[in-house]
Amino acid sequence: MKAVSTLLGIDSIAMDMKDMKMTVIGAADPIDVVGKLRKCWPTDIVSIGPKEEPKKEDGKKEEPKKDDAEKKKEAEKMIKELVDAYKAYNPCMTTHYYVHSAEENPNACVIL
């Protein structure tokens, strides 16, 4: 348990000693968990699944469907935001410098 508890994204860890199984709940990558455990013990993944969510009530209101015109306006707005973000990008300009060589400058000192 100590080896796995250091990983980020783990909500809870439970051990079943009869079946020799460890249950890890959280958003951690299962491959990382197994990799940590395999350094010390033989390890297998039994099952991986999404978090169980409570069932929703059917009496809730459904959202009204949006018109095509509204969808187009939202798409145009998203494209405009991307274009504005692209225009705001100002890369660093390259600096130019002149290299003085010893052959061109008779006053230069060269030590060999």
N, C-alpha and C. Protein backbone atom coordinates (compact mmCIF):
# COMPACT_ATOMS: atom_id res chain seq x y z
N MET A 1 0.82 -1.19 0.00
CA MET A 1 0.00 0.00 0.00
C MET A 1 0.87 1.26 0.00
N LYS A 2 2.00 1.20 0.67
CA LYS A 2 2.86 2.37 0.72
C LYS A 2 3.43 2.72 -0.65
N ALA A 3 3.73 1.69 -1.44
CA ALA A 3 4.31 1.93 -2.76
C ALA A 3 3.33 2.65 -3.67
N VAL A 4 2.06 2.32 -3.58
CA VAL A 4 1.05 2.89 -4.47
C VAL A 4 0.54 4.22 -3.93
N SER A 5 0.57 4.41 -2.63
CA SER A 5 -0.03 5.62 -2.05
C SER A 5 0.71 6.90 -2.43
N THR A 6 1.92 6.78 -2.95
CA THR A 6 2.68 7.98 -3.34
C THR A 6 2.25 8.54 -4.69
N LEU A 7 1.49 7.78 -5.47
CA LEU A 7 1.06 8.24 -6.80
C LEU A 7 -0.01 9.32 -6.68
N LEU A 8 0.00 10.25 -7.61
CA LEU A 8 -0.99 11.32 -7.64
C LEU A 8 -2.29 10.82 -8.26
N GLY A 9 -3.41 11.31 -7.77
CA GLY A 9 -4.71 10.99 -8.34
C GLY A 9 -5.40 9.82 -7.68
N ILE A 10 -4.88 9.29 -6.58
CA ILE A 10 -5.51 8.17 -5.90
C ILE A 10 -6.38 8.70 -4.78
N ASP A 11 -7.68 8.30 -4.80
CA ASP A 11 -8.61 8.73 -3.76
C ASP A 11 -8.61 7.78 -2.58
N SER A 12 -8.66 6.46 -2.83
CA SER A 12 -8.66 5.50 -1.73
C SER A 12 -8.03 4.19 -2.18
N ILE A 13 -7.49 3.47 -1.18
CA ILE A 13 -6.87 2.17 -1.42
C ILE A 13 -7.45 1.19 -0.41
N ALA A 14 -7.87 0.01 -0.88
CA ALA A 14 -8.40 -1.02 0.02
C ALA A 14 -7.75 -2.35 -0.32
N MET A 15 -7.43 -3.13 0.73
CA MET A 15 -6.80 -4.45 0.55
C MET A 15 -7.77 -5.54 0.97
N ASP A 16 -7.88 -6.59 0.16
CA ASP A 16 -8.65 -7.79 0.51
C ASP A 16 -7.64 -8.92 0.64
N MET A 17 -7.30 -9.28 1.88
CA MET A 17 -6.25 -10.27 2.12
C MET A 17 -6.67 -11.68 1.75
N LYS A 18 -7.98 -11.99 1.80
CA LYS A 18 -8.43 -13.34 1.44
C LYS A 18 -8.17 -13.61 -0.04
N ASP A 19 -8.59 -12.68 -0.87
CA ASP A 19 -8.44 -12.84 -2.32
C ASP A 19 -7.10 -12.33 -2.82
N MET A 20 -6.31 -11.69 -1.93
CA MET A 20 -5.02 -11.09 -2.30
C MET A 20 -5.21 -10.06 -3.43
N LYS A 21 -6.17 -9.15 -3.21
CA LYS A 21 -6.47 -8.12 -4.20
C LYS A 21 -6.41 -6.75 -3.55
N MET A 22 -5.95 -5.78 -4.32
CA MET A 22 -5.92 -4.39 -3.87
C MET A 22 -6.85 -3.60 -4.77
N THR A 23 -7.71 -2.80 -4.16
CA THR A 23 -8.63 -1.95 -4.90
C THR A 23 -8.15 -0.51 -4.79
N VAL A 24 -7.89 0.10 -5.94
CA VAL A 24 -7.42 1.49 -5.97
C VAL A 24 -8.49 2.31 -6.67
N ILE A 25 -8.96 3.36 -5.99
CA ILE A 25 -10.01 4.22 -6.55
C ILE A 25 -9.43 5.61 -6.73
N GLY A 26 -9.61 6.16 -7.93
CA GLY A 26 -9.12 7.51 -8.20
C GLY A 26 -8.85 7.71 -9.67
N ALA A 27 -8.23 8.83 -9.98
CA ALA A 27 -7.96 9.20 -11.37
C ALA A 27 -6.54 8.83 -11.79
N ALA A 28 -5.86 8.01 -11.00
CA ALA A 28 -4.48 7.62 -11.33
C ALA A 28 -4.47 6.68 -12.52
N ASP A 29 -3.37 6.69 -13.26
CA ASP A 29 -3.21 5.82 -14.42
C ASP A 29 -2.98 4.39 -13.93
N PRO A 30 -3.81 3.41 -14.37
CA PRO A 30 -3.65 2.03 -13.90
C PRO A 30 -2.29 1.43 -14.27
N ILE A 31 -1.72 1.84 -15.38
CA ILE A 31 -0.42 1.32 -15.79
C ILE A 31 0.66 1.77 -14.81
N ASP A 32 0.57 3.01 -14.33
CA ASP A 32 1.53 3.50 -13.34
C ASP A 32 1.40 2.73 -12.03
N VAL A 33 0.16 2.44 -11.62
CA VAL A 33 -0.07 1.70 -10.38
C VAL A 33 0.54 0.31 -10.48
N VAL A 34 0.27 -0.38 -11.58
CA VAL A 34 0.81 -1.74 -11.76
C VAL A 34 2.32 -1.70 -11.88
N GLY A 35 2.86 -0.70 -12.54
CA GLY A 35 4.31 -0.57 -12.67
C GLY A 35 4.98 -0.42 -11.32
N LYS A 36 4.38 0.39 -10.43
CA LYS A 36 4.93 0.55 -9.08
C LYS A 36 4.90 -0.76 -8.32
N LEU A 37 3.78 -1.49 -8.43
CA LEU A 37 3.64 -2.74 -7.68
C LEU A 37 4.53 -3.84 -8.22
N ARG A 38 4.77 -3.86 -9.52
CA ARG A 38 5.58 -4.93 -10.13
C ARG A 38 7.05 -4.84 -9.74
N LYS A 39 7.48 -3.71 -9.23
CA LYS A 39 8.87 -3.60 -8.79
C LYS A 39 9.13 -4.52 -7.60
N CYS A 40 8.09 -4.81 -6.82
CA CYS A 40 8.27 -5.62 -5.61
C CYS A 40 7.52 -6.95 -5.65
N TRP A 41 6.37 -7.02 -6.31
CA TRP A 41 5.53 -8.21 -6.28
C TRP A 41 5.00 -8.52 -7.67
N PRO A 42 4.65 -9.79 -7.93
CA PRO A 42 3.98 -10.12 -9.20
C PRO A 42 2.57 -9.51 -9.18
N THR A 43 2.22 -8.80 -10.25
CA THR A 43 0.98 -8.01 -10.26
C THR A 43 0.22 -8.23 -11.56
N ASP A 44 -1.10 -8.29 -11.46
CA ASP A 44 -1.98 -8.38 -12.61
C ASP A 44 -3.13 -7.39 -12.44
N ILE A 45 -3.63 -6.87 -13.55
CA ILE A 45 -4.81 -6.01 -13.52
C ILE A 45 -6.02 -6.91 -13.70
N VAL A 46 -6.94 -6.88 -12.74
CA VAL A 46 -8.14 -7.71 -12.82
C VAL A 46 -9.22 -6.99 -13.60
N SER A 47 -9.51 -5.74 -13.25
CA SER A 47 -10.53 -4.99 -13.99
C SER A 47 -10.28 -3.49 -13.83
N ILE A 48 -10.68 -2.76 -14.86
CA ILE A 48 -10.60 -1.30 -14.85
C ILE A 48 -11.96 -0.80 -15.31
N GLY A 49 -12.51 0.16 -14.60
CA GLY A 49 -13.82 0.66 -14.99
C GLY A 49 -14.04 2.08 -14.56
N PRO A 50 -15.08 2.72 -15.10
CA PRO A 50 -15.38 4.09 -14.71
C PRO A 50 -16.00 4.13 -13.32
N LYS A 51 -15.99 5.29 -12.75
CA LYS A 51 -16.56 5.49 -11.43
C LYS A 51 -18.07 5.28 -11.51
N GLU A 52 -18.62 4.56 -10.53
CA GLU A 52 -20.06 4.32 -10.51
C GLU A 52 -20.76 5.60 -10.07
N GLU A 53 -21.70 6.04 -10.88
CA GLU A 53 -22.42 7.27 -10.59
C GLU A 53 -23.83 6.93 -10.12
N PRO A 54 -24.37 7.70 -9.19
CA PRO A 54 -25.75 7.44 -8.75
C PRO A 54 -26.72 7.72 -9.90
N LYS A 55 -27.80 6.97 -9.90
CA LYS A 55 -28.78 7.12 -10.98
C LYS A 55 -29.50 8.45 -10.83
N LYS A 56 -29.74 9.10 -11.96
CA LYS A 56 -30.40 10.40 -11.97
C LYS A 56 -31.92 10.20 -12.03
N GLU A 57 -32.62 11.17 -11.46
CA GLU A 57 -34.07 11.11 -11.49
C GLU A 57 -34.57 11.51 -12.88
N ASP A 58 -35.67 10.86 -13.32
CA ASP A 58 -36.22 11.14 -14.64
C ASP A 58 -37.06 12.41 -14.66
N GLY A 59 -37.44 12.95 -13.51
CA GLY A 59 -38.33 14.10 -13.44
C GLY A 59 -37.66 15.43 -13.75
N LYS A 60 -36.37 15.43 -13.97
CA LYS A 60 -35.67 16.69 -14.24
C LYS A 60 -35.99 17.20 -15.64
N LYS A 61 -35.92 18.52 -15.78
CA LYS A 61 -36.21 19.14 -17.08
C LYS A 61 -35.04 18.93 -18.03
N GLU A 62 -35.38 18.75 -19.28
CA GLU A 62 -34.36 18.63 -20.31
C GLU A 62 -34.07 20.02 -20.87
N GLU A 63 -32.84 20.23 -21.28
CA GLU A 63 -32.48 21.51 -21.87
C GLU A 63 -33.08 21.62 -23.27
N PRO A 64 -33.61 22.79 -23.61
CA PRO A 64 -34.17 22.94 -24.95
C PRO A 64 -33.05 22.89 -25.99
N LYS A 65 -33.38 22.34 -27.15
CA LYS A 65 -32.39 22.23 -28.21
C LYS A 65 -32.14 23.60 -28.84
N LYS A 66 -30.90 23.84 -29.20
CA LYS A 66 -30.52 25.13 -29.77
C LYS A 66 -30.78 25.13 -31.28
N ASP A 67 -31.13 26.28 -31.78
CA ASP A 67 -31.35 26.43 -33.21
C ASP A 67 -30.02 26.38 -33.95
N ASP A 68 -30.12 26.15 -35.26
CA ASP A 68 -28.92 26.14 -36.09
C ASP A 68 -28.24 27.51 -36.11
N ALA A 69 -29.04 28.56 -36.05
CA ALA A 69 -28.47 29.92 -36.07
C ALA A 69 -27.64 30.16 -34.82
N GLU A 70 -28.12 29.69 -33.67
CA GLU A 70 -27.37 29.87 -32.43
C GLU A 70 -26.08 29.06 -32.46
N LYS A 71 -26.14 27.86 -33.02
CA LYS A 71 -24.93 27.03 -33.12
C LYS A 71 -23.89 27.70 -34.01
N LYS A 72 -24.34 28.29 -35.13
CA LYS A 72 -23.42 28.97 -36.03
C LYS A 72 -22.79 30.18 -35.36
N LYS A 73 -23.58 30.91 -34.58
CA LYS A 73 -23.05 32.08 -33.87
C LYS A 73 -21.98 31.65 -32.87
N GLU A 74 -22.24 30.55 -32.15
CA GLU A 74 -21.25 30.07 -31.19
C GLU A 74 -19.98 29.61 -31.89
N ALA A 75 -20.13 28.94 -33.04
CA ALA A 75 -18.97 28.48 -33.78
C ALA A 75 -18.15 29.67 -34.29
N GLU A 76 -18.83 30.70 -34.80
CA GLU A 76 -18.13 31.89 -35.27
C GLU A 76 -17.42 32.60 -34.11
N LYS A 77 -18.05 32.61 -32.96
CA LYS A 77 -17.44 33.24 -31.78
C LYS A 77 -16.17 32.50 -31.37
N MET A 78 -16.22 31.17 -31.40
CA MET A 78 -15.04 30.38 -31.03
C MET A 78 -13.91 30.61 -32.03
N ILE A 79 -14.24 30.66 -33.32
CA ILE A 79 -13.23 30.90 -34.34
C ILE A 79 -12.62 32.29 -34.18
N LYS A 80 -13.46 33.28 -33.87
CA LYS A 80 -12.97 34.64 -33.67
C LYS A 80 -12.00 34.69 -32.48
N GLU A 81 -12.30 33.97 -31.40
CA GLU A 81 -11.41 33.94 -30.25
C GLU A 81 -10.05 33.34 -30.62
N LEU A 82 -10.07 32.28 -31.43
CA LEU A 82 -8.81 31.66 -31.85
C LEU A 82 -7.99 32.59 -32.73
N VAL A 83 -8.66 33.29 -33.64
CA VAL A 83 -7.96 34.22 -34.53
C VAL A 83 -7.37 35.36 -33.71
N ASP A 84 -8.13 35.88 -32.75
CA ASP A 84 -7.62 36.96 -31.90
C ASP A 84 -6.41 36.50 -31.09
N ALA A 85 -6.45 35.27 -30.59
CA ALA A 85 -5.32 34.75 -29.83
C ALA A 85 -4.10 34.59 -30.74
N TYR A 86 -4.31 34.20 -31.99
CA TYR A 86 -3.19 34.04 -32.92
C TYR A 86 -2.57 35.40 -33.25
N LYS A 87 -3.40 36.41 -33.41
CA LYS A 87 -2.89 37.74 -33.73
C LYS A 87 -2.08 38.32 -32.57
N ALA A 88 -2.40 37.93 -31.35
CA ALA A 88 -1.71 38.47 -30.19
C ALA A 88 -0.33 37.85 -30.00
N TYR A 89 -0.01 36.81 -30.73
CA TYR A 89 1.28 36.13 -30.58
C TYR A 89 2.37 36.95 -31.26
N ASN A 90 3.34 37.41 -30.50
CA ASN A 90 4.46 38.17 -31.04
C ASN A 90 5.75 37.43 -30.71
N PRO A 91 6.31 36.71 -31.67
CA PRO A 91 7.53 35.97 -31.38
C PRO A 91 8.72 36.91 -31.20
N CYS A 92 9.74 36.44 -30.53
CA CYS A 92 10.95 37.24 -30.34
C CYS A 92 11.64 37.43 -31.68
N MET A 93 12.12 38.61 -31.90
CA MET A 93 12.83 38.89 -33.14
C MET A 93 14.27 38.44 -32.98
N THR A 94 14.85 37.95 -34.04
CA THR A 94 16.24 37.52 -33.99
C THR A 94 17.16 38.73 -33.97
N THR A 95 18.21 38.62 -33.19
CA THR A 95 19.17 39.72 -33.12
C THR A 95 20.28 39.48 -34.13
N HIS A 96 20.69 40.54 -34.79
CA HIS A 96 21.76 40.45 -35.77
C HIS A 96 23.02 41.03 -35.16
N TYR A 97 24.12 40.38 -35.39
CA TYR A 97 25.38 40.91 -34.89
C TYR A 97 26.45 40.72 -35.96
N TYR A 98 27.47 41.52 -35.86
CA TYR A 98 28.54 41.50 -36.84
C TYR A 98 29.75 40.85 -36.20
N VAL A 99 30.33 39.88 -36.87
CA VAL A 99 31.50 39.18 -36.36
C VAL A 99 32.75 39.84 -36.93
N HIS A 100 33.63 40.29 -36.06
CA HIS A 100 34.90 40.87 -36.48
C HIS A 100 35.93 39.77 -36.52
N SER A 101 36.52 39.57 -37.65
CA SER A 101 37.59 38.57 -37.72
C SER A 101 38.94 39.26 -37.60
N ALA A 102 39.94 38.51 -37.23
CA ALA A 102 41.28 39.07 -37.02
C ALA A 102 41.90 39.53 -38.33
N GLU A 103 41.51 38.92 -39.43
CA GLU A 103 42.10 39.29 -40.72
C GLU A 103 41.59 40.64 -41.20
N GLU A 104 40.35 40.99 -40.87
CA GLU A 104 39.78 42.25 -41.32
C GLU A 104 40.20 43.40 -40.41
N ASN A 105 40.46 43.13 -39.15
CA ASN A 105 40.81 44.17 -38.20
C ASN A 105 42.31 44.06 -37.88
N PRO A 106 43.13 44.98 -38.38
CA PRO A 106 44.58 44.87 -38.15
C PRO A 106 44.97 45.15 -36.69
N ASN A 107 44.13 45.78 -35.92
CA ASN A 107 44.45 46.10 -34.53
C ASN A 107 44.08 44.96 -33.56
N ALA A 108 43.49 43.89 -34.06
CA ALA A 108 43.07 42.79 -33.19
C ALA A 108 44.28 42.00 -32.73
N CYS A 109 44.22 41.48 -31.53
CA CYS A 109 45.31 40.71 -30.94
C CYS A 109 44.93 39.24 -30.96
N VAL A 110 45.80 38.40 -31.47
CA VAL A 110 45.55 36.96 -31.52
C VAL A 110 46.67 36.26 -30.78
N ILE A 111 46.30 35.44 -29.80
CA ILE A 111 47.30 34.68 -29.04
C ILE A 111 47.12 33.21 -29.40
N LEU A 112 48.19 32.57 -29.83
CA LEU A 112 48.13 31.16 -30.19
C LEU A 112 48.93 30.32 -29.26
